[in-house]
Protein backbone atom coordinates (compact mmCIF):
# COMPACT_ATOMS: atom_id res chain seq x y z
CA UNK A 1 -12.96 17.15 16.76
CA UNK A 2 -10.80 18.92 14.27
CA UNK A 3 -7.69 17.01 15.03
CA UNK A 4 -9.66 13.81 14.59
CA UNK A 5 -11.05 14.81 11.11
CA UNK A 6 -7.45 15.81 10.14
CA UNK A 7 -6.27 12.49 11.20
CA UNK A 8 -8.96 10.69 9.02
CA UNK A 9 -7.76 12.81 6.05
CA UNK A 10 -4.07 12.09 6.76
CA UNK A 11 -4.79 8.24 7.02
CA UNK A 12 -6.84 8.23 3.81
CA UNK A 13 -4.09 9.98 2.08
CA UNK A 14 -1.41 7.63 3.49
CA UNK A 15 -3.41 4.84 2.12
CA UNK A 16 -3.53 6.28 -1.44
CA UNK A 17 0.00 6.97 -1.45
CA UNK A 18 0.97 3.35 -0.13
CA UNK A 19 -1.00 1.82 -3.08
CA UNK A 20 0.92 4.04 -5.46
CA UNK A 21 4.42 3.00 -4.06
CA UNK A 22 3.07 -0.63 -4.02
CA UNK A 23 2.37 -0.53 -7.68
CA UNK A 24 5.65 1.47 -8.46
CA UNK A 25 8.13 -0.56 -6.51
CA UNK A 26 6.46 -3.97 -5.61
CA UNK A 27 4.44 -4.20 -2.29
CA UNK A 28 7.41 -5.66 -0.29
CA UNK A 29 9.99 -3.24 -1.43
CA UNK A 30 7.59 -0.29 -1.09
CA UNK A 31 6.58 -1.15 2.46
CA UNK A 32 10.31 -1.60 3.59
CA UNK A 33 11.34 1.91 2.27
CA UNK A 34 8.25 3.64 3.83
CA UNK A 35 9.05 1.90 7.10
CA UNK A 36 12.56 2.88 6.83
CA UNK A 37 11.84 6.61 6.40
CA UNK A 38 9.34 6.45 9.38
CA UNK A 39 11.59 4.92 11.68
CA UNK A 40 14.40 7.50 10.75
CA UNK A 41 12.17 10.47 11.18
CA UNK A 42 10.44 9.14 14.42
CA UNK A 43 13.68 8.01 15.89
CA UNK A 44 15.43 11.37 15.40
CA UNK A 45 12.40 13.15 17.15
CA UNK A 46 12.46 10.59 19.93
CA UNK A 47 16.28 10.79 20.67
CA UNK A 48 16.13 14.49 20.63
CA UNK A 49 13.23 15.16 22.70
CA UNK A 50 11.71 12.10 24.37
CA UNK A 51 14.73 9.81 25.07
CA UNK A 52 13.32 9.16 28.72
CA UNK A 53 10.15 7.73 27.26
CA UNK A 54 11.80 4.42 26.49
CA UNK A 55 11.77 1.91 29.21
CA UNK A 56 12.49 -1.82 29.01
CA UNK A 57 9.23 -2.92 30.70
CA UNK A 58 7.28 -1.01 27.91
CA UNK A 59 9.57 -1.34 25.25
CA UNK A 60 9.01 -5.23 24.84
CA UNK A 61 5.28 -4.80 24.68
CA UNK A 62 5.32 -2.10 22.08
CA UNK A 63 8.06 -4.11 20.14
CA UNK A 64 5.70 -7.14 20.00
CA UNK A 65 2.76 -4.97 19.18
CA UNK A 66 4.91 -3.47 16.38
CA UNK A 67 5.93 -7.09 15.01
CA UNK A 68 2.07 -7.84 14.85
CA UNK A 69 0.81 -4.41 13.77
CA UNK A 70 3.48 -2.86 11.60
CA UNK A 71 5.20 -6.10 10.87
CA UNK A 72 2.61 -8.80 9.81
CA UNK A 73 -0.19 -6.22 9.38
CA UNK A 74 1.66 -3.86 6.98
CA UNK A 75 3.36 -6.53 4.87
CA UNK A 76 -0.35 -8.08 4.33
CA UNK A 77 -1.74 -4.54 3.72
CA UNK A 78 0.91 -3.76 1.03
CA UNK A 79 0.15 -7.09 -0.74
CA UNK A 80 -3.48 -6.08 -0.54
CA UNK A 81 -2.84 -2.57 -1.84
CA UNK A 82 -1.29 -4.23 -5.10
CA UNK A 83 -4.21 -6.65 -5.59
CA UNK A 84 -7.32 -4.97 -4.56
CA UNK A 85 -6.38 -1.41 -4.31
CA UNK A 86 -6.41 0.99 -1.46
CA UNK A 87 -10.15 1.47 -1.00
CA UNK A 88 -10.86 -2.08 -0.27
CA UNK A 89 -7.55 -2.62 1.48
CA UNK A 90 -8.05 -0.10 3.96
CA UNK A 91 -11.76 -0.85 4.51
CA UNK A 92 -10.97 -4.59 5.36
CA UNK A 93 -8.17 -3.47 7.65
CA UNK A 94 -9.89 -0.69 9.57
CA UNK A 95 -13.39 -2.40 9.82
CA UNK A 96 -12.10 -5.87 10.84
CA UNK A 97 -9.45 -4.61 13.11
CA UNK A 98 -11.99 -3.83 16.02
CA UNK A 99 -13.54 -7.40 15.33
CA UNK A 100 -10.10 -9.10 15.91
CA UNK A 101 -9.45 -6.85 18.68
CA UNK A 102 -12.47 -7.55 20.86
CA UNK A 103 -11.99 -11.20 20.33
CA UNK A 104 -8.37 -11.06 21.42
CA UNK A 105 -9.43 -9.02 24.55
CA UNK A 106 -12.14 -11.83 25.03
CA UNK A 107 -9.63 -14.59 24.65
CA UNK A 108 -6.75 -13.00 26.49
CA UNK A 109 -8.29 -10.61 29.07
CA UNK A 110 -11.62 -12.22 29.59
CA UNK A 111 -13.67 -8.99 28.48
CA UNK A 112 -17.46 -9.60 27.95
CA UNK A 113 -18.76 -9.16 24.43
CA UNK A 114 -22.00 -7.43 24.70
CA UNK A 115 -25.11 -7.78 22.26
CA UNK A 116 -24.36 -4.33 21.12
CA UNK A 117 -21.00 -5.41 20.08
CA UNK A 118 -22.16 -8.42 18.30
CA UNK A 119 -24.80 -6.50 16.31
CA UNK A 120 -22.18 -3.98 15.27
CA UNK A 121 -19.76 -7.03 14.37
CA UNK A 122 -22.79 -8.36 12.21
CA UNK A 123 -23.07 -5.07 10.48
CA UNK A 124 -19.24 -5.02 9.73
CA UNK A 125 -19.23 -8.33 8.30
CA UNK A 126 -22.50 -7.72 5.99
CA UNK A 127 -20.95 -4.49 4.92
CA UNK A 128 -17.70 -5.85 3.96
CA UNK A 129 -19.17 -8.53 1.97
CA UNK A 130 -21.32 -5.97 0.01
CA UNK A 131 -18.32 -3.73 -0.34
CA UNK A 132 -16.28 -6.46 -2.12
CA UNK A 133 -18.68 -6.21 -5.08
CA UNK A 134 -16.74 -5.41 -8.30
CA UNK A 135 -16.37 -1.63 -9.32
CA UNK A 136 -18.34 -0.24 -12.15
CA UNK A 137 -17.22 -0.46 -15.90
CA UNK A 138 -13.35 -0.67 -15.97
CA UNK A 139 -12.47 1.18 -12.94
CA UNK A 140 -10.44 -1.57 -11.45
CA UNK A 141 -8.53 -2.99 -14.51
CA UNK A 142 -5.81 -0.46 -14.87
CA UNK A 143 -4.53 -0.03 -11.25
CA UNK A 144 -4.24 -3.59 -10.08
CA UNK A 145 -2.16 -6.71 -10.49
CA UNK A 146 -2.20 -10.15 -8.88
CA UNK A 147 -5.16 -12.28 -7.63
CA UNK A 148 -8.13 -10.52 -6.15
CA UNK A 149 -8.95 -13.32 -3.71
CA UNK A 150 -5.38 -13.38 -2.30
CA UNK A 151 -5.54 -9.44 -1.89
CA UNK A 152 -8.88 -10.05 -0.06
CA UNK A 153 -7.20 -12.42 2.28
CA UNK A 154 -4.25 -10.22 2.65
CA UNK A 155 -6.70 -7.35 3.72
CA UNK A 156 -8.25 -9.77 6.36
CA UNK A 157 -4.78 -10.58 7.60
CA UNK A 158 -4.03 -6.71 7.77
CA UNK A 159 -7.05 -6.33 9.93
CA UNK A 160 -5.83 -9.06 12.15
CA UNK A 161 -2.42 -7.43 12.62
CA UNK A 162 -3.97 -3.94 13.17
CA UNK A 163 -6.54 -5.26 15.85
CA UNK A 164 -4.08 -7.42 17.67
CA UNK A 165 -1.35 -4.85 17.57
CA UNK A 166 -3.63 -2.42 19.09
CA UNK A 167 -4.77 -4.69 21.94
CA UNK A 168 -0.97 -5.26 22.83
CA UNK A 169 -0.11 -1.68 22.59
CA UNK A 170 -3.03 -0.87 25.09
CA UNK A 171 -1.49 -3.31 27.46
CA UNK A 172 1.77 -1.55 27.07
CA UNK A 173 0.01 1.70 28.12
CA UNK A 174 -1.25 -0.26 31.36
CA UNK A 175 2.06 -1.21 32.16
CA UNK A 176 3.27 2.34 31.77
CA UNK A 177 0.76 3.49 34.30
CA UNK A 178 1.89 0.77 36.75
CA UNK A 179 5.65 1.72 36.63
CA UNK A 180 4.95 5.34 36.26
CA UNK A 181 6.58 6.00 32.80
CA UNK A 182 5.24 8.43 30.43
CA UNK A 183 5.24 7.49 26.79
CA UNK A 184 3.72 9.70 24.22
CA UNK A 185 2.17 8.91 21.01
CA UNK A 186 5.28 9.51 18.92
CA UNK A 187 7.54 7.60 21.04
CA UNK A 188 5.25 4.53 21.23
CA UNK A 189 4.77 4.85 17.27
CA UNK A 190 8.70 4.66 17.01
CA UNK A 191 9.03 1.54 19.22
CA UNK A 192 6.37 -0.16 17.34
CA UNK A 193 7.63 0.93 13.65
CA UNK A 194 11.20 -0.17 14.32
CA UNK A 195 9.69 -3.81 14.77
CA UNK A 196 7.81 -3.60 11.56
CA UNK A 197 10.84 -2.26 9.89
CA UNK A 198 12.79 -5.29 10.92
CA UNK A 199 10.07 -7.58 9.78
CA UNK A 200 9.80 -5.89 6.34
CA UNK A 201 13.64 -5.90 6.00
CA UNK A 202 13.65 -9.60 6.60
CA UNK A 203 11.01 -10.21 4.14
CA UNK A 204 12.69 -8.29 1.43
CA UNK A 205 16.00 -10.14 2.08
CA UNK A 206 14.11 -13.29 1.74
CA UNK A 207 12.45 -12.52 -1.41
CA UNK A 208 15.80 -11.05 -2.80
CA UNK A 209 17.54 -14.33 -1.93
CA UNK A 210 14.87 -16.62 -3.33
CA UNK A 211 14.12 -14.55 -6.60
CA UNK A 212 17.53 -12.78 -7.10
CA UNK A 213 15.90 -9.33 -7.73
CA UNK A 214 13.13 -7.23 -6.36
CA UNK A 215 9.43 -7.75 -7.73
CA UNK A 216 9.79 -4.34 -9.37
CA UNK A 217 12.30 -5.87 -11.81
CA UNK A 218 9.97 -8.74 -12.39
CA UNK A 219 6.96 -6.51 -13.08
CA UNK A 220 7.96 -3.10 -14.24
CA UNK A 221 5.57 -0.36 -14.12
CA UNK A 222 4.28 0.86 -17.55
CA UNK A 223 5.33 4.46 -18.15
CA UNK A 224 1.65 5.49 -18.64
CA UNK A 225 0.75 4.60 -15.10
CA UNK A 226 3.68 6.59 -13.41
CA UNK A 227 1.85 9.34 -11.69
CA UNK A 228 4.57 11.65 -10.86
CA UNK A 229 7.92 11.06 -8.87
CA UNK A 230 7.65 7.82 -6.85
CA UNK A 231 9.55 9.66 -3.99
CA UNK A 232 6.76 11.98 -3.34
CA UNK A 233 4.30 8.94 -3.04
CA UNK A 234 6.84 7.29 -0.72
CA UNK A 235 7.20 10.30 1.43
CA UNK A 236 3.53 10.77 1.50
CA UNK A 237 2.95 7.23 2.80
CA UNK A 238 5.57 7.56 5.44
CA UNK A 239 4.52 10.99 6.66
CA UNK A 240 0.84 11.02 6.34
CA UNK A 241 0.48 7.73 8.35
CA UNK A 242 3.14 6.82 11.04
CA UNK A 243 4.51 10.28 11.53
CA UNK A 244 1.99 13.26 11.21
CA UNK A 245 -0.93 11.10 11.25
CA UNK A 246 0.10 9.57 14.54
CA UNK A 247 0.67 13.13 15.98
CA UNK A 248 -2.61 14.48 14.90
CA UNK A 249 -4.26 11.27 16.40
CA UNK A 250 -2.49 11.87 19.81
CA UNK A 251 -3.50 15.33 19.51
CA UNK A 252 -7.11 14.34 19.05
CA UNK A 253 -7.00 11.86 22.05
CA UNK A 254 -5.99 14.89 24.27
CA UNK A 255 -9.21 16.70 23.87
CA UNK A 256 -11.75 13.88 23.10
CA UNK A 257 -12.75 10.60 24.50
CA UNK A 258 -11.03 7.79 22.66
CA UNK A 259 -14.12 6.10 21.60
CA UNK A 260 -15.24 9.29 19.52
CA UNK A 261 -11.81 9.73 18.10
CA UNK A 262 -11.61 5.97 16.83
CA UNK A 263 -15.12 6.28 15.61
CA UNK A 264 -14.20 9.39 13.66
CA UNK A 265 -11.13 7.77 12.16
CA UNK A 266 -12.83 4.69 11.25
CA UNK A 267 -14.50 6.97 8.59
CA UNK A 268 -11.33 6.78 6.62
CA UNK A 269 -12.56 4.38 4.08
CA UNK A 270 -15.41 6.68 3.21
CA UNK A 271 -12.82 9.66 2.72
CA UNK A 272 -10.61 7.41 0.57
CA UNK A 273 -13.48 6.76 -2.05
CA UNK A 274 -12.90 10.02 -4.12
CA UNK A 275 -9.20 9.88 -3.64
CA UNK A 276 -8.94 6.18 -4.97
CA UNK A 277 -11.24 7.23 -7.69
CA UNK A 278 -8.94 9.75 -8.97
CA UNK A 279 -5.57 8.04 -8.41
CA UNK A 280 -6.60 4.44 -9.26
CA UNK A 281 -9.70 4.77 -11.34
CA UNK A 282 -11.51 2.73 -8.64
CA UNK A 283 -15.25 3.51 -9.14
CA UNK A 284 -17.25 1.34 -6.75
CA UNK A 285 -20.79 0.33 -7.53
CA UNK A 286 -23.63 1.82 -5.58
CA UNK A 287 -24.00 -1.57 -3.75
CA UNK A 288 -20.22 -1.38 -2.92
CA UNK A 289 -20.87 2.04 -1.47
CA UNK A 290 -23.63 1.04 0.63
CA UNK A 291 -21.70 -1.78 1.87
CA UNK A 292 -18.59 0.28 2.57
CA UNK A 293 -20.98 2.75 4.60
CA UNK A 294 -22.50 -0.21 6.70
CA UNK A 295 -19.13 -1.54 7.50
CA UNK A 296 -17.56 1.69 8.52
CA UNK A 297 -20.75 2.67 10.61
CA UNK A 298 -20.42 -0.80 12.46
CA UNK A 299 -16.76 -0.07 13.07
CA UNK A 300 -17.61 3.34 14.47
CA UNK A 301 -20.46 1.81 16.70
CA UNK A 302 -18.01 -0.64 18.21
CA UNK A 303 -15.80 1.99 19.40
CA UNK A 304 -18.54 4.14 20.66
CA UNK A 305 -20.25 1.24 22.67
CA UNK A 306 -16.70 0.28 24.03
CA UNK A 307 -16.12 4.04 25.11
CA UNK A 308 -19.58 4.29 27.04
CA UNK A 309 -19.76 0.92 28.29
């Protein structure tokens, strides 16, 4: 239980740090640097300690999972960070991910969708709609830029990437079992992150070619909004998420059922509320808080139902 709780806090910190670097460096360049650091750190660990965990039969599936999850998903997530802030971005991503995941499993694997899952899905959608209510006073005016609707769409796409990437990753785990290869969480994360890094790099190159400069130069960050050295936020986003966060996540899975772990981690948007209020001046309305709680409980319920079903 302790490891799952720590994972939730780490993922919340990663989200807050990600929003900061999206505002400081631009969403695409910030995401690119974050995945670069994550790839280097995870790659060094895997090469030194888990070299035998990389097998062609599983690498392909983890790579595809990374293309969708860390590639498409994180590109969309950082676009959302810049436009709607970390609280709503992570809420949309984590709460909608299980909805997309069960839909893909139904289409691809033929899994049955029970009435309990349908009820939890309805709760998620209702909660998300309420959570999108504007914040109180001027809480959202200082720490955002860009179109709010575009940010919401990006958050939904991030949820799609997260959910579908997770399903493909679970399929890779089944392939592991079939061929007798042991792939730990850090190795799986590395194989997924490098795919996301390649996508992020291609996106940055396209933007640089089309614009001639990174967005940071188009939209320089006012000095009053620069909260500390940007590299601290950058390291925090990389380490709290794919590196240390994933390690604690795997630690949690070793001692608890997966459904319980995922249900606890689904509480991340709630943990983020006070953090985003401090760093982004994002103070949600009472109705938005109620909606977030409903959506998070719906997401937790899906994982619990799946684990006991």
